Amino acid sequence: MLVADLRSYLSKRLGLPVSVFQLFGVTTSNHDRELVRQPTSTKNGTSNKKIELYDNNTLDYYGIELGSTLRLDLWDGWRELIVSAISGK
């Protein structure tokens, strides 16, 4: 499956335009070192690595399997707009 297909599916399910979010894979292994964009910290102090998922690649390219953790981040500005819309401000 292409990342673009997953993003389209999520867009339909969430009701968000594809252009307002990006997907990241989260890994704790070192085998994806060349794919890592920025490390993140978890509550228990371990370090996870965020891997930006590009539309033209397959999920297999990033080693994403059933049960893998993905993170959806909204682009700057959209987060505030969506939170304000949900809260009725």
Protein backbone atom coordinates (compact mmCIF):
# COMPACT_ATOMS: atom_id res chain seq x y z
CA MET A 1 0.00 0.00 0.00
CA LEU A 2 1.25 3.47 -0.84
CA VAL A 3 1.47 6.13 1.85
CA ALA A 4 -0.71 8.31 -0.42
CA ASP A 5 -3.46 5.67 -0.30
CA LEU A 6 -3.33 5.59 3.50
CA ARG A 7 -3.45 9.38 3.67
CA SER A 8 -6.50 9.40 1.36
CA TYR A 9 -8.22 6.81 3.54
CA LEU A 10 -7.50 8.82 6.69
CA SER A 11 -8.71 11.99 5.00
CA LYS A 12 -12.06 10.38 4.23
CA ARG A 13 -12.42 8.84 7.70
CA LEU A 14 -11.42 12.00 9.61
CA GLY A 15 -13.01 14.56 7.32
CA LEU A 16 -9.75 16.50 6.99
CA PRO A 17 -8.20 17.56 3.70
CA VAL A 18 -5.07 15.57 2.83
CA SER A 19 -3.12 18.82 2.63
CA VAL A 20 -3.49 19.66 6.36
CA PHE A 21 -1.65 16.68 7.85
CA GLN A 22 1.44 14.56 7.47
CA LEU A 23 2.15 11.03 8.68
CA PHE A 24 5.11 9.82 10.67
CA GLY A 25 6.18 6.33 11.59
CA VAL A 26 7.55 5.86 15.09
CA THR A 27 10.41 3.46 15.68
CA THR A 28 12.72 2.60 18.57
CA SER A 29 15.14 0.56 16.47
CA ASN A 30 18.35 1.82 14.88
CA HIS A 31 17.87 0.05 11.53
CA ASP A 32 15.97 3.08 10.15
CA ARG A 33 18.67 5.58 11.10
CA GLU A 34 18.93 7.01 7.57
CA LEU A 35 15.15 7.62 7.45
CA VAL A 36 14.91 9.43 10.79
CA ARG A 37 13.97 13.09 10.71
CA GLN A 38 13.86 13.97 14.40
CA PRO A 39 13.89 12.08 17.69
CA THR A 40 11.03 12.35 20.15
CA SER A 41 10.88 11.56 23.84
CA THR A 42 8.30 9.37 25.53
CA LYS A 43 6.84 9.62 29.02
CA ASN A 44 9.06 6.80 30.30
CA GLY A 45 12.23 8.55 29.09
CA THR A 46 13.01 6.32 26.10
CA SER A 47 13.78 7.92 22.78
CA ASN A 48 11.62 7.19 19.74
CA LYS A 49 12.44 8.30 16.24
CA LYS A 50 9.94 9.99 13.92
CA ILE A 51 10.16 8.93 10.29
CA GLU A 52 8.31 11.17 7.85
CA LEU A 53 6.26 9.07 5.44
CA TYR A 54 6.33 10.31 1.85
CA ASP A 55 3.36 9.70 -0.46
CA ASN A 56 5.26 7.96 -3.27
CA ASN A 57 6.71 5.24 -1.02
CA THR A 58 5.04 2.08 0.20
CA LEU A 59 4.47 1.26 3.85
CA ASP A 60 6.81 -1.72 3.37
CA TYR A 61 9.63 0.69 2.46
CA TYR A 62 9.44 2.10 6.00
CA GLY A 63 9.02 -1.31 7.62
CA ILE A 64 5.47 -0.52 8.71
CA GLU A 65 3.43 -3.60 9.47
CA LEU A 66 0.07 -4.34 11.03
CA GLY A 67 0.20 -3.03 14.60
CA SER A 68 2.91 -0.44 13.92
CA THR A 69 2.57 2.98 15.52
CA LEU A 70 1.87 5.91 13.22
CA ARG A 71 1.56 9.55 14.16
CA LEU A 72 -0.60 12.11 12.38
CA ASP A 73 0.58 15.71 12.75
CA LEU A 74 -1.39 18.73 11.56
CA TRP A 75 0.44 21.52 9.79
CA ASP A 76 1.01 24.73 11.76
CA GLY A 77 -2.08 26.89 11.94
CA TRP A 78 -4.49 24.05 11.26
CA ARG A 79 -4.20 22.63 14.77
CA GLU A 80 -5.41 25.89 16.30
CA LEU A 81 -8.23 26.23 13.76
CA ILE A 82 -9.51 22.69 14.32
CA VAL A 83 -9.29 22.94 18.12
CA SER A 84 -11.17 26.26 18.02
CA ALA A 85 -13.84 24.80 15.73
CA ILE A 86 -14.33 21.77 17.97
CA SER A 87 -14.54 23.85 21.13
CA GLY A 88 -16.93 26.37 19.51
CA LYS A 89 -14.71 29.43 19.88
